[in-house]
Amino acid sequence: MFKPEAIYYEKDIENYVLGKSLLQKYKDTPKILIDNHNNIEQMRKKDNSEFLNMKRNLIIGTRKTHKFVPNHKTSDFLVPYTSSGCTAACMYCYLVCNYNKCAYLRLFVNREEMLDKIIKIANKSEKDLTFEIGSNSDLILENTITENLSWTIENFNESQKGHLTFPTKFEMVDDILKLNHKGKVTIRMSVNPEIIINQFEYGTSRLQGRIKAINKIKDAGYNVGIIIAPVIMIDGWKDLYLELIKVLADKLSLKVKKEVFFEVIFMTYSFVHTKINESVFPNADILYNKDMMTGRGKGKYMYKNFYRQDGELFFRENLAKYFPNNEIMYIV
């Protein structure tokens, strides 16, 4: 259970049920009043070496922007929802790339407003829309603090149409197993070889815990997907990912293997990651590989086409071998 060292909060959260609840929950935790969760000057000025210490704080405010971004992978829209950032510290996290040192966990208490917009758009649409509500945070992790995910699943039942989906790297799914989700929720578990989780995904659940969680949520009737991501091409990566696929084939339940789908995402990296990781994880393996990577916009890097094409062929061949009846939604 995450126990913040300090709470940074906007005054306005006192006007919301969840805001009052969180202030009471952390009544004994030191609190700092802020004007805007997007611009906490005393946090932005901290050195890169303070990155992990900053993640020990909790920021609470209201989400002001509610722009739905069209998406054509496993959802129709990416939806800004009840949290942003995370307490974990994955060394490649795209939120670090976007927010720099400010990739700490931010909670937004105006959940009624956000869910109401989703339901209204879902009900007005001619087709059954899917909303990705976890692109900026990990809602399984957040749920251990706010119970927002449980609240969302229960209250989304009010919609006549629509579907929710989100990814996670965490195994703490017990609180949502008995909810009446009506089959309208898809949970996608992100996995990686154990050695990569141990070396680069600090503060997340271990592989076996994630696999057990997948089996649990499928038993509870949720739709399930598996995201193999990010694929990191360290030495011997093909052996590691082949073993991962074999472990999944062995440990996933028959219920899961009957319907699960896959997404495969190759790692992207950035100059921001490099500077923070050098300060915070000076003894860790370096993720940037100048021989295998090329530029992708300002300060960002991706694997060169040759390696990505080779990787795509590898995953298509091996997923087809061990999961012949399951769809690969995309490989990017």
Protein backbone atom coordinates (compact mmCIF):
# COMPACT_ATOMS: atom_id res chain seq x y z
CA MET A 1 0.00 0.00 0.00
CA PHE A 2 1.41 3.37 -1.05
CA LYS A 3 1.91 5.76 1.86
CA PRO A 4 2.75 9.27 0.66
CA GLU A 5 5.27 11.37 2.51
CA ALA A 6 3.38 14.57 1.67
CA ILE A 7 0.17 15.67 -0.04
CA TYR A 8 0.20 18.53 -2.54
CA TYR A 9 -3.39 19.62 -3.16
CA GLU A 10 -5.54 22.23 -4.84
CA LYS A 11 -8.01 24.01 -2.56
CA ASP A 12 -10.89 23.15 -4.88
CA ILE A 13 -10.75 19.43 -4.06
CA GLU A 14 -12.57 20.18 -0.81
CA ASN A 15 -15.72 20.66 -2.91
CA TYR A 16 -15.73 17.04 -4.11
CA VAL A 17 -16.73 13.86 -2.29
CA LEU A 18 -13.52 12.09 -3.27
CA GLY A 19 -11.43 15.13 -2.37
CA LYS A 20 -12.88 15.26 1.13
CA SER A 21 -12.40 11.52 1.49
CA LEU A 22 -8.72 11.66 0.51
CA LEU A 23 -8.00 14.59 2.82
CA GLN A 24 -9.56 12.60 5.66
CA LYS A 25 -7.72 9.40 4.67
CA TYR A 26 -4.40 11.24 4.83
CA LYS A 27 -5.28 13.57 7.70
CA ASP A 28 -1.98 12.83 9.46
CA THR A 29 0.15 13.32 6.32
CA PRO A 30 1.86 16.71 5.83
CA LYS A 31 0.01 18.85 3.28
CA ILE A 32 1.07 21.63 0.94
CA LEU A 33 -1.52 23.84 -0.77
CA ILE A 34 -0.83 24.44 -4.48
CA ASP A 35 -2.41 26.62 -7.14
CA ASN A 36 -2.21 24.14 -10.01
CA HIS A 37 -1.29 20.44 -10.13
CA ASN A 38 0.25 21.03 -13.59
CA ASN A 39 2.82 23.52 -12.34
CA ILE A 40 4.27 22.85 -8.90
CA GLU A 41 7.30 25.11 -9.03
CA GLN A 42 9.08 23.61 -6.03
CA MET A 43 8.89 20.18 -7.70
CA ARG A 44 9.96 21.28 -11.17
CA LYS A 45 13.10 22.93 -9.80
CA LYS A 46 14.33 19.75 -8.13
CA ASP A 47 17.36 17.95 -9.49
CA ASN A 48 16.97 14.78 -11.57
CA SER A 49 18.43 12.82 -8.66
CA GLU A 50 15.25 13.66 -6.68
CA PHE A 51 13.05 11.76 -9.16
CA LEU A 52 12.26 8.81 -6.86
CA ASN A 53 11.79 11.04 -3.82
CA MET A 54 9.25 13.11 -5.75
CA LYS A 55 7.30 9.95 -6.50
CA ARG A 56 6.81 9.44 -2.75
CA ASN A 57 4.45 12.43 -2.73
CA LEU A 58 0.82 12.49 -3.83
CA ILE A 59 -0.67 15.33 -5.84
CA ILE A 60 -4.45 15.86 -5.75
CA GLY A 61 -6.43 18.24 -7.92
CA THR A 62 -9.14 18.44 -10.55
CA ARG A 63 -8.66 17.58 -14.21
CA LYS A 64 -9.33 20.65 -16.34
CA THR A 65 -8.88 19.21 -19.83
CA HIS A 66 -11.28 16.53 -21.08
CA LYS A 67 -10.26 16.19 -24.73
CA PHE A 68 -10.93 12.77 -26.23
CA VAL A 69 -8.18 11.75 -28.66
CA PRO A 70 -9.20 9.41 -31.53
CA ASN A 71 -7.43 6.05 -31.38
CA HIS A 72 -7.45 3.15 -33.79
CA LYS A 73 -5.75 0.32 -31.93
CA THR A 74 -7.86 -1.27 -29.20
CA SER A 75 -10.16 1.70 -28.57
CA ASP A 76 -11.96 4.51 -30.35
CA PHE A 77 -10.77 7.25 -27.98
CA LEU A 78 -7.98 7.87 -25.50
CA VAL A 79 -9.71 9.55 -22.57
CA PRO A 80 -8.01 11.66 -19.87
CA TYR A 81 -9.32 10.14 -16.68
CA THR A 82 -8.88 10.01 -12.89
CA SER A 83 -5.10 9.95 -12.61
CA SER A 84 -1.84 10.73 -14.34
CA GLY A 85 1.62 9.40 -13.58
CA CYS A 86 2.53 6.53 -11.31
CA THR A 87 4.35 5.54 -8.13
CA ALA A 88 6.45 2.98 -10.02
CA ALA A 89 9.64 3.88 -11.85
CA CYS A 90 9.95 2.10 -15.19
CA MET A 91 13.13 3.33 -16.82
CA TYR A 92 11.50 3.79 -20.23
CA CYS A 93 8.15 5.30 -19.13
CA TYR A 94 6.67 7.54 -21.83
CA LEU A 95 5.13 9.73 -19.11
CA VAL A 96 8.67 10.62 -18.04
CA CYS A 97 9.36 11.58 -21.62
CA ASN A 98 6.27 13.82 -21.64
CA TYR A 99 6.38 15.26 -18.12
CA ASN A 100 10.08 14.96 -17.23
CA LYS A 101 10.50 14.81 -13.45
CA CYS A 102 6.77 15.43 -12.97
CA ALA A 103 5.70 11.84 -13.72
CA TYR A 104 4.61 11.42 -10.10
CA LEU A 105 1.08 10.26 -9.28
CA ARG A 106 -1.59 12.92 -9.68
CA LEU A 107 -5.16 12.14 -8.67
CA PHE A 108 -8.20 13.99 -10.01
CA VAL A 109 -11.28 14.10 -7.81
CA ASN A 110 -13.89 15.31 -10.36
CA ARG A 111 -14.59 11.74 -11.46
CA GLU A 112 -18.35 12.26 -11.82
CA GLU A 113 -17.77 14.93 -14.44
CA MET A 114 -15.35 12.74 -16.40
CA LEU A 115 -17.45 9.58 -16.38
CA ASP A 116 -20.60 11.54 -17.24
CA LYS A 117 -18.96 12.78 -20.45
CA ILE A 118 -17.95 9.23 -21.42
CA ILE A 119 -21.48 7.92 -20.84
CA LYS A 120 -23.09 10.76 -22.80
CA ILE A 121 -20.81 10.25 -25.80
CA ALA A 122 -21.26 6.46 -25.63
CA ASN A 123 -25.05 6.71 -25.57
CA LYS A 124 -25.24 9.24 -28.42
CA SER A 125 -23.01 7.21 -30.75
CA GLU A 126 -24.53 5.05 -33.47
CA LYS A 127 -21.86 2.41 -32.90
CA ASP A 128 -20.60 0.82 -29.70
CA LEU A 129 -17.56 2.90 -28.75
CA THR A 130 -14.57 1.77 -26.69
CA PHE A 131 -12.88 4.28 -24.37
CA GLU A 132 -9.27 3.85 -23.23
CA ILE A 133 -9.27 5.30 -19.70
CA GLY A 134 -5.79 4.22 -18.59
CA SER A 135 -3.36 5.77 -21.07
CA ASN A 136 -1.94 8.26 -18.53
CA SER A 137 -1.72 6.10 -15.42
CA ASP A 138 -2.25 2.62 -14.01
CA LEU A 139 -5.82 2.35 -12.75
CA ILE A 140 -5.25 -0.91 -10.84
CA LEU A 141 -2.54 0.83 -8.83
CA GLU A 142 -4.65 3.96 -8.42
CA ASN A 143 -7.61 1.90 -7.23
CA THR A 144 -5.65 0.86 -4.13
CA ILE A 145 -5.63 4.54 -3.12
CA THR A 146 -8.93 5.95 -4.40
CA GLU A 147 -11.18 3.01 -5.30
CA ASN A 148 -11.87 5.03 -8.45
CA LEU A 149 -11.71 2.02 -10.75
CA SER A 150 -14.26 0.09 -8.69
CA TRP A 151 -16.50 3.18 -8.65
CA THR A 152 -16.09 3.61 -12.41
CA ILE A 153 -16.94 0.01 -13.29
CA GLU A 154 -20.05 0.07 -11.11
CA ASN A 155 -21.29 3.43 -12.38
CA PHE A 156 -20.54 2.76 -16.04
CA ASN A 157 -23.46 0.33 -15.86
CA GLU A 158 -25.67 3.40 -16.26
CA SER A 159 -24.57 3.71 -19.88
CA GLN A 160 -26.74 2.05 -22.49
CA LYS A 161 -23.78 1.45 -24.79
CA GLY A 162 -20.01 1.62 -24.73
CA HIS A 163 -17.00 -0.24 -23.47
CA LEU A 164 -14.05 0.64 -21.22
CA THR A 165 -10.48 -0.62 -21.50
CA PHE A 166 -7.19 0.02 -19.71
CA PRO A 167 -3.71 -1.54 -19.32
CA THR A 168 -1.91 -2.43 -16.09
CA LYS A 169 1.36 -3.80 -14.74
CA PHE A 170 -0.11 -4.64 -11.34
CA GLU A 171 -1.65 -7.73 -9.77
CA MET A 172 -3.93 -6.09 -7.15
CA VAL A 173 -7.17 -7.00 -8.88
CA ASP A 174 -9.13 -8.62 -6.03
CA ASP A 175 -11.23 -5.51 -5.31
CA ILE A 176 -12.78 -5.54 -8.79
CA LEU A 177 -13.43 -9.27 -9.17
CA LYS A 178 -16.97 -9.29 -7.74
CA LEU A 179 -18.19 -6.14 -9.49
CA ASN A 180 -21.09 -6.21 -11.92
CA HIS A 181 -19.16 -5.13 -15.01
CA LYS A 182 -21.66 -6.65 -17.49
CA GLY A 183 -18.83 -7.69 -19.81
CA LYS A 184 -18.25 -4.05 -20.75
CA VAL A 185 -14.66 -3.82 -19.47
CA THR A 186 -11.43 -5.11 -21.04
CA ILE A 187 -8.30 -5.33 -18.89
CA ARG A 188 -4.99 -5.60 -20.73
CA MET A 189 -2.03 -6.87 -18.74
CA SER A 190 1.40 -5.64 -19.77
CA VAL A 191 4.10 -8.32 -19.52
CA ASN A 192 7.83 -8.66 -20.06
CA PRO A 193 10.48 -11.30 -19.36
CA GLU A 194 11.22 -11.52 -15.64
CA ILE A 195 14.78 -10.25 -16.08
CA ILE A 196 13.51 -7.12 -17.84
CA ILE A 197 10.88 -6.51 -15.16
CA ASN A 198 13.56 -6.83 -12.48
CA GLN A 199 16.04 -4.56 -14.24
CA PHE A 200 13.86 -1.86 -15.75
CA GLU A 201 10.34 -1.90 -14.22
CA TYR A 202 10.95 -0.87 -10.63
CA GLY A 203 7.96 -0.89 -8.31
CA THR A 204 5.68 -3.03 -10.49
CA SER A 205 4.31 -6.53 -9.96
CA ARG A 206 6.41 -9.57 -10.85
CA LEU A 207 5.58 -11.66 -13.91
CA GLN A 208 3.98 -14.54 -11.98
CA GLY A 209 1.74 -12.11 -10.12
CA ARG A 210 0.61 -10.53 -13.37
CA ILE A 211 -0.18 -13.94 -14.90
CA LYS A 212 -2.21 -14.97 -11.85
CA ALA A 213 -4.11 -11.67 -12.10
CA ILE A 214 -4.95 -12.35 -15.75
CA ASN A 215 -6.45 -15.72 -14.80
CA LYS A 216 -8.41 -14.12 -11.95
CA ILE A 217 -9.96 -11.37 -14.03
CA LYS A 218 -10.93 -13.80 -16.77
CA ASP A 219 -12.59 -16.05 -14.18
CA ALA A 220 -14.52 -12.94 -13.08
CA GLY A 221 -15.85 -12.51 -16.62
CA TYR A 222 -13.75 -9.58 -17.78
CA ASN A 223 -12.44 -9.42 -21.32
CA VAL A 224 -8.65 -9.77 -21.29
CA GLY A 225 -5.72 -8.80 -23.46
CA ILE A 226 -1.96 -9.14 -23.11
CA ILE A 227 0.44 -6.37 -24.06
CA ILE A 228 4.01 -7.53 -24.63
CA ALA A 229 5.63 -4.18 -24.02
CA PRO A 230 7.90 -2.55 -24.31
CA VAL A 231 10.01 -5.02 -26.24
CA ILE A 232 13.58 -4.17 -25.23
CA MET A 233 16.29 -5.60 -27.48
CA ILE A 234 18.97 -6.35 -24.93
CA ASP A 235 21.51 -9.12 -25.59
CA GLY A 236 19.68 -12.41 -26.04
CA TRP A 237 16.30 -10.73 -26.32
CA LYS A 238 14.82 -13.38 -28.61
CA ASP A 239 15.58 -16.14 -26.11
CA LEU A 240 14.04 -14.08 -23.31
CA TYR A 241 10.84 -13.29 -25.20
CA LEU A 242 10.49 -16.84 -26.50
CA GLU A 243 10.67 -18.06 -22.91
CA LEU A 244 8.07 -15.44 -21.95
CA ILE A 245 5.68 -16.71 -24.63
CA LYS A 246 6.23 -20.29 -23.44
CA VAL A 247 5.54 -19.29 -19.82
CA LEU A 248 2.32 -17.58 -20.88
CA ALA A 249 1.24 -20.64 -22.85
CA ASP A 250 1.92 -22.83 -19.81
CA LYS A 251 0.53 -20.66 -17.00
CA LEU A 252 -2.51 -18.96 -18.54
CA SER A 253 -5.81 -20.71 -17.94
CA LEU A 254 -7.78 -22.38 -20.72
CA LYS A 255 -10.42 -19.66 -20.35
CA VAL A 256 -7.82 -16.99 -21.03
CA LYS A 257 -6.19 -18.82 -23.93
CA LYS A 258 -9.57 -19.27 -25.58
CA GLU A 259 -10.19 -15.54 -26.04
CA VAL A 260 -7.11 -13.44 -25.16
CA PHE A 261 -5.67 -11.07 -27.76
CA PHE A 262 -2.16 -9.63 -28.02
CA GLU A 263 -0.55 -6.25 -28.57
CA VAL A 264 3.19 -5.91 -29.16
CA ILE A 265 5.00 -2.59 -28.72
CA PHE A 266 8.70 -1.97 -29.26
CA MET A 267 10.43 0.41 -26.88
CA THR A 268 10.89 4.08 -27.64
CA TYR A 269 13.35 6.08 -25.60
CA SER A 270 14.36 9.70 -25.10
CA PHE A 271 17.11 12.07 -24.02
CA VAL A 272 15.01 12.88 -20.94
CA HIS A 273 15.09 9.21 -19.90
CA THR A 274 18.85 9.13 -20.29
CA LYS A 275 19.47 12.16 -18.06
CA ILE A 276 17.10 11.00 -15.31
CA ASN A 277 18.26 7.38 -15.39
CA GLU A 278 21.91 8.44 -15.20
CA SER A 279 21.15 10.29 -11.97
CA VAL A 280 18.68 7.88 -10.39
CA PHE A 281 19.96 4.48 -11.59
CA PRO A 282 23.70 5.01 -12.17
CA ASN A 283 24.48 1.28 -12.00
CA ALA A 284 21.62 0.12 -14.22
CA ASP A 285 22.06 -1.18 -17.76
CA ILE A 286 21.80 1.51 -20.42
CA LEU A 287 18.68 1.26 -22.57
CA TYR A 288 19.83 3.55 -25.38
CA ASN A 289 21.68 1.65 -28.11
CA LYS A 290 23.18 3.99 -30.72
CA ASP A 291 23.81 1.14 -33.17
CA MET A 292 20.25 -0.19 -33.09
CA MET A 293 18.28 3.03 -32.62
CA THR A 294 17.45 6.06 -34.74
CA GLY A 295 15.84 9.42 -34.14
CA ARG A 296 12.08 9.75 -33.78
CA GLY A 297 11.33 13.41 -33.32
CA LYS A 298 13.21 15.82 -31.08
CA GLY A 299 15.23 13.94 -28.46
CA LYS A 300 13.39 10.64 -29.01
CA TYR A 301 14.67 7.33 -30.33
CA MET A 302 13.25 4.10 -31.72
CA TYR A 303 14.70 0.87 -33.07
CA LYS A 304 15.75 1.05 -36.71
CA ASN A 305 13.39 -0.47 -39.26
CA PHE A 306 15.59 -3.53 -39.80
CA TYR A 307 15.39 -4.51 -36.12
CA ARG A 308 11.68 -3.71 -35.85
CA GLN A 309 10.86 -5.80 -38.93
CA ASP A 310 12.95 -8.68 -37.60
CA GLY A 311 11.20 -8.34 -34.25
CA GLU A 312 7.76 -8.32 -35.83
CA LEU A 313 8.52 -11.51 -37.76
CA PHE A 314 9.79 -13.13 -34.54
CA PHE A 315 6.62 -12.32 -32.59
CA ARG A 316 4.23 -13.25 -35.38
CA GLU A 317 5.90 -16.62 -35.85
CA ASN A 318 6.10 -17.52 -32.17
CA LEU A 319 2.71 -16.20 -31.10
CA ALA A 320 1.17 -18.13 -34.00
CA LYS A 321 2.99 -21.25 -32.81
CA TYR A 322 1.99 -21.07 -29.13
CA PHE A 323 -1.30 -19.15 -29.49
CA PRO A 324 -2.57 -20.22 -32.92
CA ASN A 325 -6.18 -19.18 -32.29
CA ASN A 326 -5.55 -15.75 -30.79
CA GLU A 327 -5.50 -12.41 -32.56
CA ILE A 328 -2.53 -10.05 -32.66
CA MET A 329 -4.21 -6.64 -32.67
CA TYR A 330 -1.08 -4.80 -33.80
CA ILE A 331 2.71 -4.73 -33.60
CA VAL A 332 4.31 -1.28 -33.48
